[in-house]
PDB file of N, CA and C in Angstrom:
ATOM      1  N   MET A   1       9.287   5.102  12.193  1.00  0.00           N
ATOM      2  CA  MET A   1       8.038   4.387  12.063  1.00  0.00           C
ATOM      3  C   MET A   1       6.975   5.005  12.960  1.00  0.00           C
ATOM      4  N   LYS A   2       7.366   5.469  14.149  1.00  0.00           N
ATOM      5  CA  LYS A   2       6.399   6.103  15.050  1.00  0.00           C
ATOM      6  C   LYS A   2       5.845   7.383  14.437  1.00  0.00           C
ATOM      7  N   LYS A   3       6.693   8.132  13.747  1.00  0.00           N
ATOM      8  CA  LYS A   3       6.233   9.356  13.083  1.00  0.00           C
ATOM      9  C   LYS A   3       5.226   9.019  11.981  1.00  0.00           C
ATOM     10  N   LEU A   4       5.487   7.922  11.265  1.00  0.00           N
ATOM     11  CA  LEU A   4       4.577   7.487  10.210  1.00  0.00           C
ATOM     12  C   LEU A   4       3.220   7.128  10.801  1.00  0.00           C
ATOM     13  N   LEU A   5       3.204   6.418  11.925  1.00  0.00           N
ATOM     14  CA  LEU A   5       1.951   6.061  12.580  1.00  0.00           C
ATOM     15  C   LEU A   5       1.170   7.294  13.000  1.00  0.00           C
ATOM     16  N   LEU A   6       1.849   8.254  13.597  1.00  0.00           N
ATOM     17  CA  LEU A   6       1.197   9.477  14.051  1.00  0.00           C
ATOM     18  C   LEU A   6       0.636  10.259  12.872  1.00  0.00           C
ATOM     19  N   LEU A   7       1.436  10.443  11.841  1.00  0.00           N
ATOM     20  CA  LEU A   7       1.000  11.173  10.657  1.00  0.00           C
ATOM     21  C   LEU A   7      -0.198  10.480  10.002  1.00  0.00           C
ATOM     22  N   SER A   8      -0.132   9.179   9.887  1.00  0.00           N
ATOM     23  CA  SER A   8      -1.229   8.425   9.280  1.00  0.00           C
ATOM     24  C   SER A   8      -2.509   8.555  10.087  1.00  0.00           C
ATOM     25  N   SER A   9      -2.394   8.513  11.396  1.00  0.00           N
ATOM     26  CA  SER A   9      -3.578   8.663  12.249  1.00  0.00           C
ATOM     27  C   SER A   9      -4.217  10.028  12.053  1.00  0.00           C
ATOM     28  N   LEU A  10      -3.401  11.063  11.983  1.00  0.00           N
ATOM     29  CA  LEU A  10      -3.926  12.410  11.758  1.00  0.00           C
ATOM     30  C   LEU A  10      -4.610  12.518  10.400  1.00  0.00           C
ATOM     31  N   ILE A  11      -4.002  11.923   9.388  1.00  0.00           N
ATOM     32  CA  ILE A  11      -4.576  11.947   8.042  1.00  0.00           C
ATOM     33  C   ILE A  11      -5.913  11.216   8.027  1.00  0.00           C
ATOM     34  N   LEU A  12      -5.975  10.061   8.668  1.00  0.00           N
ATOM     35  CA  LEU A  12      -7.219   9.294   8.705  1.00  0.00           C
ATOM     36  C   LEU A  12      -8.347  10.093   9.335  1.00  0.00           C
ATOM     37  N   PHE A  13      -8.061  10.763  10.444  1.00  0.00           N
ATOM     38  CA  PHE A  13      -9.093  11.564  11.097  1.00  0.00           C
ATOM     39  C   PHE A  13      -9.526  12.731  10.210  1.00  0.00           C
ATOM     40  N   ALA A  14      -8.587  13.342   9.526  1.00  0.00           N
ATOM     41  CA  ALA A  14      -8.913  14.477   8.668  1.00  0.00           C
ATOM     42  C   ALA A  14      -9.770  14.039   7.478  1.00  0.00           C
ATOM     43  N   PHE A  15      -9.464  12.882   6.897  1.00  0.00           N
ATOM     44  CA  PHE A  15     -10.147  12.443   5.686  1.00  0.00           C
ATOM     45  C   PHE A  15     -11.507  11.816   5.943  1.00  0.00           C
ATOM     46  N   THR A  16     -11.758  11.302   7.110  1.00  0.00           N
ATOM     47  CA  THR A  16     -13.027  10.619   7.341  1.00  0.00           C
ATOM     48  C   THR A  16     -14.195  11.590   7.482  1.00  0.00           C
ATOM     49  N   ALA A  17     -13.916  12.857   7.687  1.00  0.00           N
ATOM     50  CA  ALA A  17     -14.985  13.826   7.924  1.00  0.00           C
ATOM     51  C   ALA A  17     -15.870  14.046   6.707  1.00  0.00           C
ATOM     52  N   SER A  18     -15.343  13.976   5.491  1.00  0.00           N
ATOM     53  CA  SER A  18     -16.139  14.325   4.314  1.00  0.00           C
ATOM     54  C   SER A  18     -16.261  13.160   3.332  1.00  0.00           C
ATOM     55  N   SER A  19     -16.440  11.966   3.832  1.00  0.00           N
ATOM     56  CA  SER A  19     -16.486  10.812   2.943  1.00  0.00           C
ATOM     57  C   SER A  19     -17.859  10.642   2.296  1.00  0.00           C
ATOM     58  N   GLU A  20     -17.844  10.172   1.054  1.00  0.00           N
ATOM     59  CA  GLU A  20     -19.062   9.853   0.312  1.00  0.00           C
ATOM     60  C   GLU A  20     -18.981   8.379  -0.090  1.00  0.00           C
ATOM     61  N   GLU A  21     -20.136   7.807  -0.410  1.00  0.00           N
ATOM     62  CA  GLU A  21     -20.182   6.412  -0.854  1.00  0.00           C
ATOM     63  C   GLU A  21     -19.454   6.280  -2.193  1.00  0.00           C
ATOM     64  N   LEU A  22     -18.732   5.183  -2.369  1.00  0.00           N
ATOM     65  CA  LEU A  22     -18.023   4.923  -3.617  1.00  0.00           C
ATOM     66  C   LEU A  22     -18.966   4.272  -4.622  1.00  0.00           C
ATOM     67  N   SER A  23     -18.751   4.589  -5.906  1.00  0.00           N
ATOM     68  CA  SER A  23     -19.508   3.920  -6.967  1.00  0.00           C
ATOM     69  C   SER A  23     -18.987   2.491  -7.113  1.00  0.00           C
ATOM     70  N   LYS A  24     -19.677   1.690  -7.892  1.00  0.00           N
ATOM     71  CA  LYS A  24     -19.248   0.309  -8.112  1.00  0.00           C
ATOM     72  C   LYS A  24     -17.856   0.274  -8.752  1.00  0.00           C
ATOM     73  N   ALA A  25     -17.623   1.110  -9.762  1.00  0.00           N
ATOM     74  CA  ALA A  25     -16.320   1.156 -10.426  1.00  0.00           C
ATOM     75  C   ALA A  25     -15.221   1.596  -9.454  1.00  0.00           C
ATOM     76  N   GLU A  26     -15.541   2.545  -8.583  1.00  0.00           N
ATOM     77  CA  GLU A  26     -14.564   3.014  -7.600  1.00  0.00           C
ATOM     78  C   GLU A  26     -14.268   1.924  -6.569  1.00  0.00           C
ATOM     79  N   LYS A  27     -15.280   1.162  -6.204  1.00  0.00           N
ATOM     80  CA  LYS A  27     -15.056   0.044  -5.277  1.00  0.00           C
ATOM     81  C   LYS A  27     -14.125  -0.995  -5.909  1.00  0.00           C
ATOM     82  N   VAL A  28     -14.333  -1.273  -7.195  1.00  0.00           N
ATOM     83  CA  VAL A  28     -13.458  -2.212  -7.904  1.00  0.00           C
ATOM     84  C   VAL A  28     -12.032  -1.659  -7.957  1.00  0.00           C
ATOM     85  N   GLY A  29     -11.912  -0.368  -8.246  1.00  0.00           N
ATOM     86  CA  GLY A  29     -10.592   0.259  -8.280  1.00  0.00           C
ATOM     87  C   GLY A  29      -9.896   0.210  -6.929  1.00  0.00           C
ATOM     88  N   GLU A  30     -10.639   0.485  -5.863  1.00  0.00           N
ATOM     89  CA  GLU A  30     -10.058   0.442  -4.517  1.00  0.00           C
ATOM     90  C   GLU A  30      -9.670  -0.984  -4.144  1.00  0.00           C
ATOM     91  N   LEU A  31     -10.532  -1.927  -4.456  1.00  0.00           N
ATOM     92  CA  LEU A  31     -10.212  -3.327  -4.176  1.00  0.00           C
ATOM     93  C   LEU A  31      -8.971  -3.757  -4.948  1.00  0.00           C
ATOM     94  N   SER A  32      -8.853  -3.329  -6.192  1.00  0.00           N
ATOM     95  CA  SER A  32      -7.669  -3.653  -7.002  1.00  0.00           C
ATOM     96  C   SER A  32      -6.407  -3.114  -6.352  1.00  0.00           C
ATOM     97  N   PHE A  33      -6.468  -1.865  -5.863  1.00  0.00           N
ATOM     98  CA  PHE A  33      -5.308  -1.310  -5.167  1.00  0.00           C
ATOM     99  C   PHE A  33      -4.982  -2.136  -3.931  1.00  0.00           C
ATOM    100  N   GLN A  34      -6.000  -2.487  -3.157  1.00  0.00           N
ATOM    101  CA  GLN A  34      -5.769  -3.228  -1.917  1.00  0.00           C
ATOM    102  C   GLN A  34      -5.171  -4.603  -2.201  1.00  0.00           C
ATOM    103  N   VAL A  35      -5.543  -5.230  -3.307  1.00  0.00           N
ATOM    104  CA  VAL A  35      -4.962  -6.520  -3.679  1.00  0.00           C
ATOM    105  C   VAL A  35      -3.479  -6.368  -3.996  1.00  0.00           C
ATOM    106  N   VAL A  36      -3.124  -5.378  -4.815  1.00  0.00           N
ATOM    107  CA  VAL A  36      -1.697  -5.207  -5.123  1.00  0.00           C
ATOM    108  C   VAL A  36      -0.923  -4.732  -3.899  1.00  0.00           C
ATOM    109  N   ASN A  37      -1.554  -3.980  -3.017  1.00  0.00           N
ATOM    110  CA  ASN A  37      -0.920  -3.582  -1.763  1.00  0.00           C
ATOM    111  C   ASN A  37      -0.600  -4.822  -0.926  1.00  0.00           C
ATOM    112  N   PHE A  38      -1.541  -5.773  -0.866  1.00  0.00           N
ATOM    113  CA  PHE A  38      -1.334  -7.021  -0.132  1.00  0.00           C
ATOM    114  C   PHE A  38      -0.209  -7.845  -0.756  1.00  0.00           C
ATOM    115  N   ILE A  39      -0.207  -7.958  -2.082  1.00  0.00           N
ATOM    116  CA  ILE A  39       0.860  -8.710  -2.761  1.00  0.00           C
ATOM    117  C   ILE A  39       2.209  -8.067  -2.482  1.00  0.00           C
ATOM    118  N   ASP A  40       2.279  -6.742  -2.561  1.00  0.00           N
ATOM    119  CA  ASP A  40       3.512  -6.011  -2.262  1.00  0.00           C
ATOM    120  C   ASP A  40       3.967  -6.305  -0.829  1.00  0.00           C
ATOM    121  N   MET A  41       3.027  -6.306   0.114  1.00  0.00           N
ATOM    122  CA  MET A  41       3.366  -6.605   1.508  1.00  0.00           C
ATOM    123  C   MET A  41       3.930  -8.019   1.640  1.00  0.00           C
ATOM    124  N   MET A  42       3.276  -8.973   0.991  1.00  0.00           N
ATOM    125  CA  MET A  42       3.733 -10.355   1.102  1.00  0.00           C
ATOM    126  C   MET A  42       5.105 -10.545   0.437  1.00  0.00           C
ATOM    127  N   GLN A  43       5.360  -9.844  -0.653  1.00  0.00           N
ATOM    128  CA  GLN A  43       6.696  -9.905  -1.257  1.00  0.00           C
ATOM    129  C   GLN A  43       7.726  -9.272  -0.321  1.00  0.00           C
ATOM    130  N   THR A  44       7.344  -8.210   0.344  1.00  0.00           N
ATOM    131  CA  THR A  44       8.259  -7.557   1.278  1.00  0.00           C
ATOM    132  C   THR A  44       8.536  -8.470   2.467  1.00  0.00           C
ATOM    133  N   ILE A  45       7.551  -9.203   2.928  1.00  0.00           N
ATOM    134  CA  ILE A  45       7.785 -10.183   3.993  1.00  0.00           C
ATOM    135  C   ILE A  45       8.746 -11.266   3.514  1.00  0.00           C
ATOM    136  N   GLU A  46       8.638 -11.665   2.263  1.00  0.00           N
ATOM    137  CA  GLU A  46       9.589 -12.622   1.687  1.00  0.00           C
ATOM    138  C   GLU A  46      11.005 -12.049   1.712  1.00  0.00           C
ATOM    139  N   ILE A  47      11.134 -10.758   1.437  1.00  0.00           N
ATOM    140  CA  ILE A  47      12.444 -10.097   1.513  1.00  0.00           C
ATOM    141  C   ILE A  47      12.969 -10.150   2.943  1.00  0.00           C
ATOM    142  N   VAL A  48      12.108  -9.878   3.917  1.00  0.00           N
ATOM    143  CA  VAL A  48      12.494  -9.929   5.330  1.00  0.00           C
ATOM    144  C   VAL A  48      12.970 -11.334   5.698  1.00  0.00           C
ATOM    145  N   GLN A  49      12.249 -12.341   5.234  1.00  0.00           N
ATOM    146  CA  GLN A  49      12.578 -13.723   5.574  1.00  0.00           C
ATOM    147  C   GLN A  49      13.845 -14.217   4.886  1.00  0.00           C
ATOM    148  N   HIS A  50      14.264 -13.518   3.838  1.00  0.00           N
ATOM    149  CA  HIS A  50      15.476 -13.901   3.102  1.00  0.00           C
ATOM    150  C   HIS A  50      16.401 -12.692   2.947  1.00  0.00           C
ATOM    151  N   SER A  51      16.697 -12.066   4.068  1.00  0.00           N
ATOM    152  CA  SER A  51      17.510 -10.841   4.037  1.00  0.00           C
ATOM    153  C   SER A  51      18.946 -11.107   3.581  1.00  0.00           C
ATOM    154  N   ASP A  52      19.352 -12.366   3.542  1.00  0.00           N
ATOM    155  CA  ASP A  52      20.678 -12.698   3.013  1.00  0.00           C
ATOM    156  C   ASP A  52      20.692 -12.650   1.484  1.00  0.00           C
ATOM    157  N   LEU A  53      19.513 -12.716   0.858  1.00  0.00           N
ATOM    158  CA  LEU A  53      19.414 -12.701  -0.605  1.00  0.00           C
ATOM    159  C   LEU A  53      18.895 -11.379  -1.165  1.00  0.00           C
ATOM    160  N   TYR A  54      18.008 -10.717  -0.407  1.00  0.00           N
ATOM    161  CA  TYR A  54      17.319  -9.537  -0.923  1.00  0.00           C
ATOM    162  C   TYR A  54      17.379  -8.394   0.083  1.00  0.00           C
ATOM    163  N   TYR A  55      17.120  -7.201  -0.406  1.00  0.00           N
ATOM    164  CA  TYR A  55      16.959  -6.046   0.467  1.00  0.00           C
ATOM    165  C   TYR A  55      15.814  -5.189  -0.061  1.00  0.00           C
ATOM    166  N   GLU A  56      15.197  -4.476   0.846  1.00  0.00           N
ATOM    167  CA  GLU A  56      14.056  -3.619   0.518  1.00  0.00           C
ATOM    168  C   GLU A  56      14.562  -2.291  -0.031  1.00  0.00           C
ATOM    169  N   THR A  57      13.862  -1.743  -1.030  1.00  0.00           N
ATOM    170  CA  THR A  57      14.259  -0.460  -1.616  1.00  0.00           C
ATOM    171  C   THR A  57      13.351   0.692  -1.191  1.00  0.00           C
ATOM    172  N   ASN A  58      12.308   0.401  -0.422  1.00  0.00           N
ATOM    173  CA  ASN A  58      11.423   1.449   0.070  1.00  0.00           C
ATOM    174  C   ASN A  58      12.161   2.232   1.164  1.00  0.00           C
ATOM    175  N   PRO A  59      12.413   3.533   0.949  1.00  0.00           N
ATOM    176  CA  PRO A  59      13.186   4.299   1.938  1.00  0.00           C
ATOM    177  C   PRO A  59      12.474   4.444   3.285  1.00  0.00           C
ATOM    178  N   ILE A  60      11.160   4.330   3.312  1.00  0.00           N
ATOM    179  CA  ILE A  60      10.438   4.421   4.583  1.00  0.00           C
ATOM    180  C   ILE A  60      10.731   3.200   5.448  1.00  0.00           C
ATOM    181  N   LEU A  61      10.774   2.026   4.826  1.00  0.00           N
ATOM    182  CA  LEU A  61      11.024   0.789   5.570  1.00  0.00           C
ATOM    183  C   LEU A  61      12.510   0.538   5.826  1.00  0.00           C
ATOM    184  N   GLY A  62      13.366   1.039   4.962  1.00  0.00           N
ATOM    185  CA  GLY A  62      14.794   0.770   5.088  1.00  0.00           C
ATOM    186  C   GLY A  62      15.147  -0.563   4.439  1.00  0.00           C
ATOM    187  N   LYS A  63      16.443  -0.839   4.312  1.00  0.00           N
ATOM    188  CA  LYS A  63      16.904  -2.029   3.601  1.00  0.00           C
ATOM    189  C   LYS A  63      16.490  -3.339   4.259  1.00  0.00           C
ATOM    190  N   HIS A  64      16.494  -3.387   5.576  1.00  0.00           N
ATOM    191  CA  HIS A  64      16.197  -4.632   6.282  1.00  0.00           C
ATOM    192  C   HIS A  64      15.183  -4.390   7.404  1.00  0.00           C
ATOM    193  N   PRO A  65      13.919  -4.182   7.039  1.00  0.00           N
ATOM    194  CA  PRO A  65      12.893  -3.952   8.063  1.00  0.00           C
ATOM    195  C   PRO A  65      12.536  -5.254   8.780  1.00  0.00           C
ATOM    196  N   GLN A  66      11.892  -5.109   9.916  1.00  0.00           N
ATOM    197  CA  GLN A  66      11.384  -6.264  10.634  1.00  0.00           C
ATOM    198  C   GLN A  66       9.957  -6.545  10.142  1.00  0.00           C
ATOM    199  N   GLN A  67       9.514  -7.764  10.328  1.00  0.00           N
ATOM    200  CA  GLN A  67       8.213  -8.165   9.796  1.00  0.00           C
ATOM    201  C   GLN A  67       7.073  -7.318  10.356  1.00  0.00           C
ATOM    202  N   HIS A  68       7.108  -6.992  11.636  1.00  0.00           N
ATOM    203  CA  HIS A  68       6.023  -6.182  12.209  1.00  0.00           C
ATOM    204  C   HIS A  68       6.004  -4.770  11.621  1.00  0.00           C
ATOM    205  N   GLU A  69       7.164  -4.247  11.247  1.00  0.00           N
ATOM    206  CA  GLU A  69       7.219  -2.930  10.601  1.00  0.00           C
ATOM    207  C   GLU A  69       6.594  -2.985   9.211  1.00  0.00           C
ATOM    208  N   VAL A  70       6.842  -4.075   8.500  1.00  0.00           N
ATOM    209  CA  VAL A  70       6.280  -4.254   7.158  1.00  0.00           C
ATOM    210  C   VAL A  70       4.757  -4.322   7.238  1.00  0.00           C
ATOM    211  N   ILE A  71       4.250  -5.144   8.145  1.00  0.00           N
ATOM    212  CA  ILE A  71       2.800  -5.306   8.276  1.00  0.00           C
ATOM    213  C   ILE A  71       2.152  -3.992   8.684  1.00  0.00           C
ATOM    214  N   THR A  72       2.745  -3.300   9.637  1.00  0.00           N
ATOM    215  CA  THR A  72       2.209  -2.010  10.092  1.00  0.00           C
ATOM    216  C   THR A  72       2.181  -1.002   8.949  1.00  0.00           C
ATOM    217  N   TYR A  73       3.270  -0.900   8.218  1.00  0.00           N
ATOM    218  CA  TYR A  73       3.359   0.044   7.105  1.00  0.00           C
ATOM    219  C   TYR A  73       2.268  -0.212   6.073  1.00  0.00           C
ATOM    220  N   PHE A  74       2.111  -1.465   5.656  1.00  0.00           N
ATOM    221  CA  PHE A  74       1.140  -1.765   4.599  1.00  0.00           C
ATOM    222  C   PHE A  74      -0.299  -1.651   5.085  1.00  0.00           C
ATOM    223  N   MET A  75      -0.550  -1.945   6.352  1.00  0.00           N
ATOM    224  CA  MET A  75      -1.904  -1.737   6.889  1.00  0.00           C
ATOM    225  C   MET A  75      -2.253  -0.251   6.881  1.00  0.00           C
ATOM    226  N   ILE A  76      -1.315   0.579   7.310  1.00  0.00           N
ATOM    227  CA  ILE A  76      -1.542   2.028   7.310  1.00  0.00           C
ATOM    228  C   ILE A  76      -1.711   2.532   5.882  1.00  0.00           C
ATOM    229  N   ARG A  77      -0.847   2.073   4.990  1.00  0.00           N
ATOM    230  CA  ARG A  77      -0.918   2.495   3.592  1.00  0.00           C
ATOM    231  C   ARG A  77      -2.282   2.145   2.984  1.00  0.00           C
ATOM    232  N   GLY A  78      -2.775   0.949   3.250  1.00  0.00           N
ATOM    233  CA  GLY A  78      -4.071   0.541   2.726  1.00  0.00           C
ATOM    234  C   GLY A  78      -5.207   1.376   3.289  1.00  0.00           C
ATOM    235  N   ALA A  79      -5.180   1.618   4.601  1.00  0.00           N
ATOM    236  CA  ALA A  79      -6.239   2.400   5.249  1.00  0.00           C
ATOM    237  C   ALA A  79      -6.230   3.848   4.763  1.00  0.00           C
ATOM    238  N   VAL A  80      -5.055   4.434   4.685  1.00  0.00           N
ATOM    239  CA  VAL A  80      -4.950   5.827   4.220  1.00  0.00           C
ATOM    240  C   VAL A  80      -5.427   5.931   2.774  1.00  0.00           C
ATOM    241  N   HIS A  81      -5.049   4.975   1.939  1.00  0.00           N
ATOM    242  CA  HIS A  81      -5.480   4.993   0.539  1.00  0.00           C
ATOM    243  C   HIS A  81      -7.002   4.963   0.441  1.00  0.00           C
ATOM    244  N   TYR A  82      -7.626   4.087   1.204  1.00  0.00           N
ATOM    245  CA  TYR A  82      -9.083   3.978   1.191  1.00  0.00           C
ATOM    246  C   TYR A  82      -9.741   5.290   1.610  1.00  0.00           C
ATOM    247  N   HIS A  83      -9.241   5.889   2.665  1.00  0.00           N
ATOM    248  CA  HIS A  83      -9.848   7.127   3.151  1.00  0.00           C
ATOM    249  C   HIS A  83      -9.615   8.298   2.194  1.00  0.00           C
ATOM    250  N   ILE A  84      -8.460   8.337   1.558  1.00  0.00           N
ATOM    251  CA  ILE A  84      -8.222   9.373   0.548  1.00  0.00           C
ATOM    252  C   ILE A  84      -9.200   9.183  -0.609  1.00  0.00           C
ATOM    253  N   THR A  85      -9.380   7.933  -1.036  1.00  0.00           N
ATOM    254  CA  THR A  85     -10.318   7.641  -2.126  1.00  0.00           C
ATOM    255  C   THR A  85     -11.714   8.151  -1.776  1.00  0.00           C
ATOM    256  N   LYS A  86     -12.178   7.866  -0.572  1.00  0.00           N
ATOM    257  CA  LYS A  86     -13.519   8.315  -0.168  1.00  0.00           C
ATOM    258  C   LYS A  86     -13.597   9.837  -0.021  1.00  0.00           C
ATOM    259  N   TRP A  87     -12.519  10.456   0.386  1.00  0.00           N
ATOM    260  CA  TRP A  87     -12.496  11.897   0.633  1.00  0.00           C
ATOM    261  C   TRP A  87     -12.467  12.706  -0.664  1.00  0.00           C
ATOM    262  N   LEU A  88     -11.818  12.162  -1.687  1.00  0.00           N
ATOM    263  CA  LEU A  88     -11.669  12.904  -2.946  1.00  0.00           C
ATOM    264  C   LEU A  88     -13.022  13.187  -3.602  1.00  0.00           C
ATOM    265  N   PRO A  89     -13.109  14.316  -4.308  1.00  0.00           N
ATOM    266  CA  PRO A  89     -14.319  14.565  -5.111  1.00  0.00           C
ATOM    267  C   PRO A  89     -14.458  13.466  -6.171  1.00  0.00           C
ATOM    268  N   GLU A  90     -15.673  13.183  -6.540  1.00  0.00           N
ATOM    269  CA  GLU A  90     -15.965  12.086  -7.467  1.00  0.00           C
ATOM    270  C   GLU A  90     -15.141  12.151  -8.749  1.00  0.00           C
ATOM    271  N   GLU A  91     -14.946  13.337  -9.297  1.00  0.00           N
ATOM    272  CA  GLU A  91     -14.217  13.455 -10.574  1.00  0.00           C
ATOM    273  C   GLU A  91     -12.723  13.142 -10.461  1.00  0.00           C
ATOM    274  N   LEU A  92     -12.185  13.112  -9.244  1.00  0.00           N
ATOM    275  CA  LEU A  92     -10.762  12.811  -9.058  1.00  0.00           C
ATOM    276  C   LEU A  92     -10.505  11.380  -8.593  1.00  0.00           C
ATOM    277  N   ARG A  93     -11.538  10.660  -8.251  1.00  0.00           N
ATOM    278  CA  ARG A  93     -11.347   9.321  -7.684  1.00  0.00           C
ATOM    279  C   ARG A  93     -10.736   8.333  -8.677  1.00  0.00           C
ATOM    280  N   MET A  94     -11.283   8.236  -9.872  1.00  0.00           N
ATOM    281  CA  MET A  94     -10.749   7.266 -10.837  1.00  0.00           C
ATOM    282  C   MET A  94      -9.323   7.610 -11.269  1.00  0.00           C
ATOM    283  N   PRO A  95      -8.998   8.888 -11.521  1.00  0.00           N
ATOM    284  CA  PRO A  95      -7.589   9.187 -11.800  1.00  0.00           C
ATOM    285  C   PRO A  95      -6.676   8.790 -10.622  1.00  0.00           C
ATOM    286  N   TRP A  96      -7.107   9.066  -9.390  1.00  0.00           N
ATOM    287  CA  TRP A  96      -6.339   8.690  -8.198  1.00  0.00           C
ATOM    288  C   TRP A  96      -6.147   7.173  -8.135  1.00  0.00           C
ATOM    289  N   LEU A  97      -7.237   6.445  -8.343  1.00  0.00           N
ATOM    290  CA  LEU A  97      -7.159   4.986  -8.279  1.00  0.00           C
ATOM    291  C   LEU A  97      -6.248   4.436  -9.378  1.00  0.00           C
ATOM    292  N   THR A  98      -6.284   5.053 -10.532  1.00  0.00           N
ATOM    293  CA  THR A  98      -5.442   4.607 -11.647  1.00  0.00           C
ATOM    294  C   THR A  98      -3.967   4.863 -11.372  1.00  0.00           C
ATOM    295  N   VAL A  99      -3.628   6.078 -10.946  1.00  0.00           N
ATOM    296  CA  VAL A  99      -2.205   6.410 -10.757  1.00  0.00           C
ATOM    297  C   VAL A  99      -1.606   5.750  -9.513  1.00  0.00           C
ATOM    298  N   THR A 100      -2.424   5.258  -8.613  1.00  0.00           N
ATOM    299  CA  THR A 100      -1.883   4.550  -7.457  1.00  0.00           C
ATOM    300  C   THR A 100      -1.858   3.036  -7.671  1.00  0.00           C
ATOM    301  N   PHE A 101      -2.659   2.540  -8.598  1.00  0.00           N
ATOM    302  CA  PHE A 101      -2.705   1.100  -8.886  1.00  0.00           C
ATOM    303  C   PHE A 101      -1.684   0.696  -9.946  1.00  0.00           C
ATOM    304  N   LEU A 102      -1.725   1.349 -11.095  1.00  0.00           N
ATOM    305  CA  LEU A 102      -0.928   0.903 -12.243  1.00  0.00           C
ATOM    306  C   LEU A 102       0.577   0.813 -11.982  1.00  0.00           C
ATOM    307  N   PRO A 103       1.199   1.769 -11.292  1.00  0.00           N
ATOM    308  CA  PRO A 103       2.645   1.646 -11.062  1.00  0.00           C
ATOM    309  C   PRO A 103       3.042   0.439 -10.203  1.00  0.00           C
ATOM    310  N   GLN A 104       2.111  -0.134  -9.462  1.00  0.00           N
ATOM    311  CA  GLN A 104       2.422  -1.279  -8.607  1.00  0.00           C
ATOM    312  C   GLN A 104       2.688  -2.552  -9.414  1.00  0.00           C
ATOM    313  N   ILE A 105       2.029  -2.679 -10.552  1.00  0.00           N
ATOM    314  CA  ILE A 105       2.124  -3.914 -11.340  1.00  0.00           C
ATOM    315  C   ILE A 105       3.561  -4.200 -11.799  1.00  0.00           C
ATOM    316  N   PRO A 106       4.259  -3.250 -12.432  1.00  0.00           N
ATOM    317  CA  PRO A 106       5.637  -3.566 -12.840  1.00  0.00           C
ATOM    318  C   PRO A 106       6.576  -3.798 -11.654  1.00  0.00           C
ATOM    319  N   LEU A 107       6.292  -3.166 -10.518  1.00  0.00           N
ATOM    320  CA  LEU A 107       7.143  -3.398  -9.339  1.00  0.00           C
ATOM    321  C   LEU A 107       6.979  -4.819  -8.816  1.00  0.00           C
ATOM    322  N   ILE A 108       5.746  -5.295  -8.775  1.00  0.00           N
ATOM    323  CA  ILE A 108       5.484  -6.669  -8.350  1.00  0.00           C
ATOM    324  C   ILE A 108       6.124  -7.645  -9.331  1.00  0.00           C
ATOM    325  N   GLU A 109       5.980  -7.349 -10.617  1.00  0.00           N
ATOM    326  CA  GLU A 109       6.583  -8.206 -11.642  1.00  0.00           C
ATOM    327  C   GLU A 109       8.106  -8.208 -11.533  1.00  0.00           C
ATOM    328  N   HIS A 110       8.692  -7.045 -11.300  1.00  0.00           N
ATOM    329  CA  HIS A 110      10.146  -6.947 -11.134  1.00  0.00           C
ATOM    330  C   HIS A 110      10.614  -7.815  -9.967  1.00  0.00           C
ATOM    331  N   ASN A 111       9.923  -7.703  -8.833  1.00  0.00           N
ATOM    332  CA  ASN A 111      10.275  -8.527  -7.673  1.00  0.00           C
ATOM    333  C   ASN A 111      10.148 -10.012  -8.007  1.00  0.00           C
ATOM    334  N   HIS A 112       9.081 -10.372  -8.701  1.00  0.00           N
ATOM    335  CA  HIS A 112       8.874 -11.769  -9.082  1.00  0.00           C
ATOM    336  C   HIS A 112      10.013 -12.256  -9.966  1.00  0.00           C
ATOM    337  N   ASN A 113      10.441 -11.426 -10.915  1.00  0.00           N
ATOM    338  CA  ASN A 113      11.539 -11.790 -11.811  1.00  0.00           C
ATOM    339  C   ASN A 113      12.864 -11.951 -11.065  1.00  0.00           C
ATOM    340  N   LEU A 114      13.005 -11.268  -9.932  1.00  0.00           N
ATOM    341  CA  LEU A 114      14.202 -11.428  -9.093  1.00  0.00           C
ATOM    342  C   LEU A 114      14.157 -12.720  -8.263  1.00  0.00           C
ATOM    343  N   GLY A 115      12.990 -13.369  -8.246  1.00  0.00           N
ATOM    344  CA  GLY A 115      12.829 -14.583  -7.457  1.00  0.00           C
ATOM    345  C   GLY A 115      12.067 -14.361  -6.159  1.00  0.00           C
ATOM    346  N   ILE A 116      11.573 -13.141  -5.951  1.00  0.00           N
ATOM    347  CA  ILE A 116      10.839 -12.827  -4.726  1.00  0.00           C
ATOM    348  C   ILE A 116       9.390 -13.272  -4.923  1.00  0.00           C
ATOM    349  N   ARG A 117       8.979 -14.199  -4.097  1.00  0.00           N
ATOM    350  CA  ARG A 117       7.624 -14.723  -4.165  1.00  0.00           C
ATOM    351  C   ARG A 117       6.799 -14.111  -3.040  1.00  0.00           C
ATOM    352  N   ILE A 118       5.677 -14.696  -2.767  1.00  0.00           N
ATOM    353  CA  ILE A 118       4.815 -14.197  -1.696  1.00  0.00           C
ATOM    354  C   ILE A 118       5.151 -14.969  -0.429  1.00  0.00           C
ATOM    355  N   GLY A 119       5.676 -14.261   0.565  1.00  0.00           N
ATOM    356  CA  GLY A 119       6.082 -14.893   1.821  1.00  0.00           C
ATOM    357  C   GLY A 119       4.905 -15.202   2.716  1.00  0.00           C
ATOM    358  N   TRP A 120       5.019 -16.210   3.536  1.00  0.00           N
ATOM    359  CA  TRP A 120       3.999 -16.553   4.523  1.00  0.00           C
ATOM    360  C   TRP A 120       4.687 -16.662   5.819  1.00  0.00           C
TER     361      TRP A 120
END
């Protein structure tokens, strides 16, 4: 996890140098990603709170992460995603937003079908 924090910090500094303003559609796309990122985080917290019933499949977090590791991971993931979006040339932003958003939907649905709700 410490390596992930260090790598993410370096990436954030590298990407912030050439950022441009996002269009309205790109802002909607980024917000959509951040919403599914939040839902994914809350489902993962539900997994943490019910580790006797569920386990995490994300290899970065491991099968039974602690809640602070989950929150840290998803905060970094959200921040890095935003900075990559701003750093990308305009013609690549919507494809990036699409390929990072759409795969999240079936994963959230799969977790929901397993009984994993949004943990608090």
